[in-house]
Amino acid sequence: MNEVDNILFKQVEENKTPSVQYFIFNKDSAIHRFQFGFSDIKNKKKTEENTTYNAYSVTKTFTALAILQLAEQKKLDIEQPVKKYLPEFPYSTEITIRQLMTHSAGIPNPIPLSWIHLADEHKSFDRNSFFSQIFIKNNKTKSKPNEKYTYSNLGYVLLGQLIEKVSGISYEDYVRTNILQPLNIKPNELDFTITDINQHAKGYHKKYSFSNIILGLLIDKSKYVDATEGKWNSFKDNYVNGVSYGGLIGMPNAFVKYIQELLKPNCKLITDDFKKMLFTENYTSNNKATGMCLSWFSGQLNGRQYFAHAGGGGGYYCEIRIYPDLGIGSVIMFNRTGMSDERYLDKLDKYIINEK
């Protein structure tokens, strides 16, 4: 695995990220792992096994899993209109739960980078009040139901509200009780808040970059950006406003446990029939493949199918991936800003895929 390690060493040594952690594994154990760099540049604190990172949109896979758990319990039917279960749903009565999950409902997707609040504002933050105003401003769909693929964070805000309505508990408590606890994942390993500030990686953005100029147009840098550390600007600790599209914060190894369970037949989280639904690609009403399953993107690497999701935003970027035919998965996390699905794991996983 020298090739993999060399690629990742260079990411840190060439100032492309302050730190990186990478795991590739089967359902029982790690095949290869790598960790290097600083979780805190100023204090020269190295990234460690218990270092936590913001996972952002990787959270969507937990949201979709929660919806399918409720479907399995016959508390909802994903083929039914959202309005049937969530009367306050602000869009067409024809839009189904499945269409929200596959990003085919046509729900708008305003840039969410500014949808954050500081950690010390968290207890008083009212997300439903915040998003009620967002939905008023974005009250028209961009396309007809299942006409085409259109990624939408707002769609996953609505799925979070649906989970709360149907389950009768908060989104966070639902995920803790029904996904994290069965896997024996503790709050300090994976949760929706920074449980230990000393083990949380600082988030960074490259100081001298075009994207740093763009960042200043999207967020109040005087409020959210902290000191300059070397070639990096650091972020003050903050949370996303929409927990169900991007709120998870945790150790890479916690995501390893999550994917390992999904690799197992008869896994603790969902039956095989519903798991098959989770990883079935959606086709539009015109029978066009979308590359999107129920929250998971589908793709191929060296002829091997995988299902993946990336999460990126201010200060962090990560990817998770499952190769069902090979029985392996992978996770990578950086404490530097990521704005798009980079498919970074293609560069690393190919070495294992080639061996397989």
Foldseek 3Di string as FASTA:
>chain_A
DVLQQVVQVCCCVVVVFQKKWKFKPFLPDTPDIDIFGALDQVVRHGADQLAKEFFFQVLLLLLLLLVLVCVVVVLDDQCAFLCVQVVVPLADSNAGNQLLLQQQAQQDADPQQAQKDFQVCVVVDDLVVVVVVVCVVRRYGRDHGLQAHDDHLVSQLSSQVSSCRSVVHHSQVSSCVQQQVVLVHDVSAKGQHNPDPVRYRWFKEFQPDPVVVVVVVRYVCVPFWDDDRVRIITGHHMAGSRCSRTRMMHGQVSVVSRVSQLLDAPGRRDHPVSSVQQPDFDAGPVRHTHQGGSSWGWDDAPRFIKTKDWRFHGQKIKMKMDRNVVSMIMIMIGRYGDDDDPVVCSSPCNVVVVVD
